[in-house]
Amino acid sequence: MAGILVMSVMVSLIVKTLLVQAFFIPSGSMEPTLHGCPGCTGDKVLVNKLTDRMGGVSRGDVVVFHDPGGWIAPAQPAPGLGGQLQQVFAAIGLAPTTGGGDLIKRVIGIGGDTIEAHDQQVYVNGTRLDEPYVLSGDSPSEMDFRVTVPIGTLWVMGDHRSDSLDSRFHLDDPGKGFVPVTDVVGRAFAVIWPLNRSGSLDRPATFDAIAAPTQP
């Protein structure tokens, strides 16, 4: 029995470290694609950690990434024995992590892209995005901006645009709102909980129409 338990833990550690990891969604910044707000059922997603070996990160992907620096406050573990057990099981891959130091957003632009917003619309390399995944009632961006994404970084935004402190709100930070590709944990590819919302997280077709960035 003990041997089976040890083997299960070892397999879980290998899977979590190299292949796939589960995450709780802690906020409502990705609604309606992912739920996590108070009063909602917190979604759990699976994240492919081999993204860099399977074509890399693309526009439209939903990705989990480490905090680039100061985007979120340090997470406080749940009190009591339950919180301690959650941390232990998450560490060995037997429970989803709460993602205290990680965020989840949608990739809007990759290295070389020019992203701009005006008249409450978002454009990538001059093409306006049709964004049906944005929460109903939100505009694609109330904030006007124009940036060129440095090579090796990403520009990310939440689907709940009025409740997402994403790249737009970190333009004055040292990193200028860009997320280093090296900070990406992986691509979220499926919702696994609750069961009535389970399914794949596919890349929206609107990103297929984006032209390659103009070379300088």
Protein backbone atom coordinates (compact mmCIF):
# COMPACT_ATOMS: atom_id res chain seq x y z
CA MET A 1 0.00 0.00 0.00
CA ALA A 2 2.79 2.39 0.96
CA GLY A 3 4.62 1.56 -2.26
CA ILE A 4 1.55 2.40 -4.35
CA LEU A 5 1.16 5.71 -2.53
CA VAL A 6 4.82 6.62 -3.09
CA MET A 7 4.53 5.69 -6.76
CA SER A 8 1.37 7.80 -7.13
CA VAL A 9 3.11 10.80 -5.60
CA MET A 10 6.14 10.35 -7.86
CA VAL A 11 3.99 10.11 -10.98
CA SER A 12 2.01 13.18 -9.91
CA LEU A 13 5.22 15.14 -9.36
CA ILE A 14 6.56 14.17 -12.79
CA VAL A 15 3.30 15.09 -14.52
CA LYS A 16 3.02 18.39 -12.66
CA THR A 17 6.65 19.33 -13.26
CA LEU A 18 6.90 18.38 -16.91
CA LEU A 19 3.52 17.95 -18.55
CA VAL A 20 0.21 19.22 -17.14
CA GLN A 21 -0.84 21.17 -14.07
CA ALA A 22 -4.27 22.05 -12.70
CA PHE A 23 -5.12 25.56 -11.49
CA PHE A 24 -8.01 27.14 -9.62
CA ILE A 25 -9.25 30.41 -11.14
CA PRO A 26 -9.15 32.86 -8.22
CA SER A 27 -10.80 35.93 -9.76
CA GLY A 28 -13.38 37.08 -12.27
CA SER A 29 -10.90 38.75 -14.64
CA MET A 30 -11.38 36.10 -17.34
CA GLU A 31 -15.18 35.95 -17.29
CA PRO A 32 -17.18 34.76 -19.12
CA THR A 33 -14.55 32.31 -20.39
CA LEU A 34 -13.51 31.33 -16.86
CA HIS A 35 -15.36 31.92 -13.60
CA GLY A 36 -13.72 32.83 -10.34
CA CYS A 37 -15.62 35.77 -8.91
CA PRO A 38 -17.39 35.81 -5.51
CA GLY A 39 -20.69 34.00 -5.85
CA CYS A 40 -19.51 32.08 -8.92
CA THR A 41 -18.30 28.50 -9.04
CA GLY A 42 -14.50 28.72 -9.26
CA ASP A 43 -13.37 27.00 -12.43
CA LYS A 44 -10.43 24.63 -12.52
CA VAL A 45 -8.33 24.44 -15.67
CA LEU A 46 -5.62 22.17 -17.04
CA VAL A 47 -2.45 23.84 -18.28
CA ASN A 48 -0.12 22.35 -20.87
CA LYS A 49 3.44 22.99 -19.66
CA LEU A 50 5.03 21.87 -22.94
CA THR A 51 3.80 24.94 -24.82
CA ASP A 52 7.33 26.03 -25.72
CA ARG A 53 7.94 22.67 -27.37
CA MET A 54 4.64 22.59 -29.24
CA GLY A 55 4.72 25.73 -31.37
CA GLY A 56 5.09 28.26 -28.58
CA VAL A 57 2.52 30.80 -27.43
CA SER A 58 0.11 32.20 -30.03
CA ARG A 59 -2.27 35.15 -30.15
CA GLY A 60 -5.57 34.17 -28.59
CA ASP A 61 -4.14 31.57 -26.22
CA VAL A 62 -5.21 31.65 -22.57
CA VAL A 63 -2.00 31.35 -20.57
CA VAL A 64 -0.92 31.05 -16.96
CA PHE A 65 2.19 33.08 -16.16
CA HIS A 66 4.25 34.11 -13.16
CA ASP A 67 3.68 37.61 -11.83
CA PRO A 68 6.06 39.82 -13.87
CA GLY A 69 6.48 42.01 -10.80
CA GLY A 70 3.91 43.77 -8.65
CA TRP A 71 0.80 42.78 -10.61
CA ILE A 72 -0.77 40.96 -7.67
CA ALA A 73 -0.44 41.05 -3.90
CA PRO A 74 1.13 38.01 -2.21
CA ALA A 75 -1.49 35.33 -1.65
CA GLN A 76 -2.36 34.32 1.88
CA PRO A 77 -2.87 30.58 2.44
CA ALA A 78 -6.23 29.43 3.74
CA PRO A 79 -6.22 29.16 7.54
CA GLY A 80 -6.13 25.91 9.43
CA LEU A 81 -5.36 22.33 8.55
CA GLY A 82 -7.40 22.48 5.32
CA GLY A 83 -5.20 25.24 3.93
CA GLN A 84 -2.02 23.39 4.89
CA LEU A 85 -3.22 20.18 3.26
CA GLN A 86 -4.20 22.08 0.10
CA GLN A 87 -0.67 23.50 -0.14
CA VAL A 88 0.92 20.08 0.35
CA PHE A 89 -1.33 18.33 -2.19
CA ALA A 90 -0.88 21.15 -4.70
CA ALA A 91 2.89 21.00 -4.31
CA ILE A 92 2.97 17.31 -5.27
CA GLY A 93 0.37 17.63 -8.00
CA LEU A 94 -2.52 15.87 -6.26
CA ALA A 95 -4.67 19.01 -6.08
CA PRO A 96 -4.99 22.14 -8.22
CA THR A 97 -2.82 25.05 -7.18
CA THR A 98 -4.49 28.25 -6.10
CA GLY A 99 -2.00 30.10 -8.30
CA GLY A 100 -1.13 32.67 -5.64
CA GLY A 101 1.89 33.99 -7.54
CA ASP A 102 0.47 33.32 -11.00
CA LEU A 103 -2.06 35.01 -13.28
CA ILE A 104 -4.20 33.85 -16.17
CA LYS A 105 -5.00 36.09 -19.16
CA ARG A 106 -5.53 35.95 -22.92
CA VAL A 107 -2.60 36.67 -25.22
CA ILE A 108 -3.51 39.58 -27.49
CA GLY A 109 -0.09 40.26 -29.00
CA ILE A 110 3.23 38.49 -29.40
CA GLY A 111 6.72 39.85 -30.05
CA GLY A 112 6.79 42.34 -32.91
CA ASP A 113 3.04 43.07 -32.88
CA THR A 114 1.65 46.59 -32.62
CA ILE A 115 -1.38 46.67 -30.31
CA GLU A 116 -3.56 49.73 -30.09
CA ALA A 117 -6.94 50.65 -28.70
CA HIS A 118 -9.09 53.61 -29.67
CA ASP A 119 -12.81 54.26 -29.95
CA GLN A 120 -13.26 51.31 -27.55
CA GLN A 121 -11.88 48.80 -30.05
CA VAL A 122 -8.64 46.79 -30.04
CA TYR A 123 -6.41 46.45 -33.11
CA VAL A 124 -3.48 44.13 -33.76
CA ASN A 125 -1.16 45.12 -36.61
CA GLY A 126 -3.93 47.34 -37.96
CA THR A 127 -6.66 44.66 -37.90
CA ARG A 128 -9.60 45.20 -35.57
CA LEU A 129 -10.29 42.24 -33.34
CA ASP A 130 -13.79 40.79 -33.23
CA GLU A 131 -13.92 39.72 -29.58
CA PRO A 132 -17.03 37.67 -28.73
CA TYR A 133 -15.22 36.31 -25.67
CA VAL A 134 -15.27 39.74 -23.95
CA LEU A 135 -17.83 39.89 -21.15
CA SER A 136 -21.21 41.14 -22.35
CA GLY A 137 -21.61 44.82 -21.47
CA ASP A 138 -17.86 45.51 -21.46
CA SER A 139 -16.16 47.37 -24.28
CA PRO A 140 -12.96 45.81 -25.64
CA SER A 141 -11.03 48.68 -24.02
CA GLU A 142 -12.14 51.85 -22.32
CA MET A 143 -8.48 52.87 -22.25
CA ASP A 144 -6.67 54.16 -25.35
CA PHE A 145 -3.10 52.97 -25.88
CA ARG A 146 -0.57 52.01 -28.54
CA VAL A 147 2.37 49.69 -27.92
CA THR A 148 4.80 47.56 -29.90
CA VAL A 149 5.47 44.26 -28.17
CA PRO A 150 9.19 43.54 -27.73
CA ILE A 151 10.49 40.23 -29.05
CA GLY A 152 10.36 37.58 -26.34
CA THR A 153 7.37 39.13 -24.55
CA LEU A 154 3.57 39.09 -24.69
CA TRP A 155 0.74 41.60 -24.31
CA VAL A 156 -2.10 40.07 -22.31
CA MET A 157 -5.64 41.13 -21.40
CA GLY A 158 -8.48 39.61 -19.42
CA ASP A 159 -11.83 38.83 -21.04
CA HIS A 160 -13.62 40.79 -18.30
CA ARG A 161 -12.08 44.02 -19.51
CA SER A 162 -13.61 46.26 -16.84
CA ASP A 163 -12.30 44.00 -14.05
CA SER A 164 -8.85 42.95 -15.26
CA LEU A 165 -5.65 44.66 -14.15
CA ASP A 166 -3.81 43.38 -17.20
CA SER A 167 -1.03 44.74 -19.43
CA ARG A 168 -2.93 48.00 -19.99
CA PHE A 169 -2.62 48.96 -16.33
CA HIS A 170 1.12 48.35 -16.07
CA LEU A 171 2.40 50.65 -18.80
CA ASP A 172 4.23 52.72 -16.18
CA ASP A 173 5.86 49.69 -14.54
CA PRO A 174 9.50 48.81 -15.29
CA GLY A 175 8.27 46.00 -17.58
CA LYS A 176 5.83 48.36 -19.38
CA GLY A 177 3.04 45.77 -19.12
CA PHE A 178 4.82 43.15 -21.20
CA VAL A 179 5.05 39.55 -19.96
CA PRO A 180 8.32 37.72 -20.69
CA VAL A 181 7.67 34.46 -22.53
CA THR A 182 10.02 32.84 -20.03
CA ASP A 183 7.46 33.64 -17.29
CA VAL A 184 4.74 31.58 -18.99
CA VAL A 185 3.84 28.42 -17.06
CA GLY A 186 1.78 27.06 -19.93
CA ARG A 187 -1.35 27.28 -22.05
CA ALA A 188 -4.73 26.55 -20.46
CA PHE A 189 -6.39 24.04 -22.78
CA ALA A 190 -9.39 22.70 -20.86
CA VAL A 191 -11.86 23.49 -18.09
CA ILE A 192 -12.22 20.41 -15.88
CA TRP A 193 -14.52 21.77 -13.17
CA PRO A 194 -17.41 22.31 -12.72
CA LEU A 195 -18.51 19.43 -14.92
CA ASN A 196 -21.32 21.40 -16.55
CA ARG A 197 -18.72 23.86 -17.87
CA SER A 198 -16.03 21.35 -18.76
CA GLY A 199 -14.58 21.49 -22.25
CA SER A 200 -11.68 22.69 -24.34
CA LEU A 201 -10.36 26.26 -24.44
CA ASP A 202 -9.92 26.87 -28.15
CA ARG A 203 -8.13 29.74 -29.84
CA PRO A 204 -10.72 32.26 -31.20
CA ALA A 205 -10.94 32.45 -34.99
CA THR A 206 -10.58 36.26 -34.95
CA PHE A 207 -6.83 35.87 -34.47
CA ASP A 208 -6.49 33.96 -37.75
CA ALA A 209 -7.05 37.22 -39.65
CA ILE A 210 -4.13 39.07 -38.00
CA ALA A 211 -1.36 40.00 -40.41
CA ALA A 212 2.27 39.48 -39.51
CA PRO A 213 3.89 42.57 -37.98
CA THR A 214 5.46 45.02 -40.39
CA GLN A 215 9.21 44.69 -40.40
CA PRO A 216 11.12 47.88 -39.52
